[in-house]
Protein backbone atom coordinates (compact mmCIF):
# COMPACT_ATOMS: atom_id res chain seq x y z
CA MET A 1 -16.47 -4.73 35.79
CA GLY A 2 -14.82 -1.90 33.95
CA GLY A 3 -11.48 -1.19 35.56
CA GLN A 4 -11.41 1.99 33.51
CA GLY A 5 -10.75 4.43 36.37
CA GLU A 6 -8.38 7.30 35.85
CA ILE A 7 -4.90 7.44 37.38
CA GLY A 8 -5.27 8.97 40.84
CA GLU A 9 -8.90 7.87 41.25
CA THR A 10 -9.65 6.33 44.65
CA ARG A 11 -12.20 3.96 46.13
CA ARG A 12 -12.84 3.35 49.83
CA ILE A 13 -13.98 0.38 51.86
CA PRO A 14 -15.24 1.52 55.27
CA VAL A 15 -14.27 -0.52 58.32
CA ARG A 16 -17.31 -1.25 60.46
CA LYS A 17 -17.08 -2.73 63.94
CA GLU A 18 -17.99 -6.19 62.65
CA ASP A 19 -15.38 -5.90 59.85
CA VAL A 20 -12.30 -5.58 62.08
CA TRP A 21 -12.28 -9.31 62.89
CA THR A 22 -13.25 -10.37 59.35
CA PHE A 23 -10.60 -8.22 57.67
CA THR A 24 -7.80 -9.36 60.00
CA GLN A 25 -8.77 -13.04 60.34
CA ARG A 26 -10.44 -13.84 57.00
CA ASN A 27 -10.19 -11.33 54.16
CA VAL A 28 -11.61 -8.17 52.61
CA SER A 29 -14.43 -8.51 50.11
CA LEU A 30 -13.82 -6.35 47.05
CA TRP A 31 -17.40 -6.77 45.81
CA ASP A 32 -18.40 -3.13 46.37
CA ILE A 33 -15.41 -1.82 44.39
CA LEU A 34 -14.96 -4.69 41.91
CA ASP A 35 -15.57 -2.41 38.92
CA PHE A 36 -12.45 -0.43 39.93
CA PHE A 37 -10.21 -3.31 38.83
CA PRO A 38 -9.68 -4.71 35.30
CA PRO A 39 -11.98 -7.66 34.53
CA ASP A 40 -9.01 -9.84 33.51
CA ALA A 41 -7.67 -9.64 37.09
CA VAL A 42 -10.38 -12.11 38.18
CA GLY A 43 -9.04 -15.65 38.31
CA ALA A 44 -10.58 -19.04 38.99
CA ARG A 45 -12.11 -19.87 42.36
CA GLY A 46 -9.52 -22.51 43.11
CA PRO A 47 -6.87 -24.75 41.55
CA GLY A 48 -9.42 -27.50 40.79
CA ASP A 49 -11.74 -25.16 38.88
CA ALA A 50 -11.63 -24.52 35.16
CA PRO A 51 -9.69 -21.39 34.26
CA PRO A 52 -11.62 -18.42 32.92
CA PRO A 53 -11.86 -18.05 29.11
CA TYR A 54 -9.22 -15.30 29.13
CA GLU A 55 -5.66 -14.79 30.33
CA VAL A 56 -5.70 -13.74 33.99
CA LYS A 57 -3.33 -10.80 34.50
CA PRO A 58 -2.16 -9.98 38.02
CA LEU A 59 -2.34 -6.64 39.79
CA THR A 60 0.39 -5.03 41.87
CA ILE A 61 -0.73 -3.52 45.17
CA GLU A 62 1.69 -0.95 46.66
CA THR A 63 1.00 -0.70 50.39
CA ASP A 64 1.60 2.19 52.77
CA LEU A 65 3.70 -0.21 54.85
CA GLY A 66 6.44 -0.16 52.21
CA TRP A 67 5.93 -3.59 50.70
CA PRO A 68 4.00 -4.53 47.56
CA PHE A 69 2.18 -7.72 46.66
CA GLU A 70 1.11 -9.20 43.36
CA THR A 71 -2.35 -10.69 43.23
CA ASP A 72 -5.41 -11.64 41.28
CA ILE A 73 -9.02 -11.59 42.50
CA GLN A 74 -10.57 -14.93 43.43
CA PHE A 75 -13.82 -15.55 41.52
CA GLY A 76 -16.85 -15.98 43.75
CA SER A 77 -15.16 -14.83 46.95
CA TRP A 78 -14.04 -11.54 45.38
CA VAL A 79 -10.89 -11.28 47.51
CA PHE A 80 -7.21 -10.80 46.72
CA ARG A 81 -4.84 -13.76 46.85
CA PRO A 82 -2.69 -14.88 48.64
CA ARG A 83 -4.89 -15.18 51.67
CA SER A 84 -2.26 -16.37 54.17
CA PRO A 85 -1.14 -13.75 56.72
CA SER A 86 2.40 -15.19 56.55
CA ARG A 87 2.80 -13.89 52.98
CA PRO A 88 2.58 -10.31 51.72
CA GLY A 89 -1.08 -9.76 50.91
CA MET A 90 -4.33 -8.23 52.06
CA MET A 91 -4.74 -10.13 55.35
CA ARG A 92 -1.16 -9.43 56.39
CA TRP A 93 -1.61 -5.73 55.59
CA CYS A 94 -4.84 -5.58 57.62
CA ARG A 95 -3.16 -7.22 60.61
CA GLU A 96 -0.03 -5.07 60.52
CA ARG A 97 -1.92 -1.83 59.87
CA GLY A 98 -4.07 -1.97 63.02
CA LEU A 99 -7.58 -1.47 61.69
CA ALA A 100 -10.26 0.09 63.87
CA GLU A 101 -13.95 0.82 63.49
CA GLY A 102 -14.45 4.01 61.49
CA ASP A 103 -11.24 3.64 59.46
CA ALA A 104 -11.32 3.20 55.68
CA LEU A 105 -9.20 1.15 53.32
CA VAL A 106 -8.29 3.41 50.41
CA PHE A 107 -7.32 2.04 47.01
CA GLU A 108 -5.76 4.45 44.50
CA LYS A 109 -5.18 3.68 40.85
CA LEU A 110 -1.46 4.27 40.19
CA GLY A 111 -1.15 2.71 36.74
CA GLU A 112 -2.82 0.29 34.34
CA ARG A 113 -2.39 -2.67 36.72
CA SER A 114 -0.98 -0.95 39.79
CA TYR A 115 -2.89 0.27 42.83
CA GLY A 116 -1.94 1.95 46.07
CA LEU A 117 -3.39 0.76 49.38
CA ARG A 118 -3.44 2.97 52.45
CA LEU A 119 -5.38 3.28 55.66
CA GLU A 120 -7.41 6.37 56.34
CA LYS A 121 -7.83 6.59 60.11
CA ALA A 122 -11.16 7.57 61.60
CA ALA A 123 -11.40 11.20 62.64
CA THR A 124 -10.70 11.52 66.34
CA GLN A 125 -12.98 13.54 68.59
CA PRO A 126 -11.29 16.47 70.41
């Protein structure tokens, strides 16, 4: 994990048919873009696990729905916390955004620990 991307750099997670349910009912795996985020944003798997041997520093995600959330990345699952759809976070954003097959989740580096999150809708056929 490098997390050394330039300001304005983007990464995409495509939404496949089988992902719509997973992203809105479970969570979004960040595994394929993990190197986009700073390594010290990865926290312990759970509260009963030993903390990592470094200070975990949260990220701020600025969504295209007008609300941000602060998060770390859960070790092993490679997802943002919090995972509850009742709190501002990835699952809530996925549910409110109305994902569809062919869309893409776009992350943009805004600052050292700040990222934008927007939905890129699938191209529609004329």
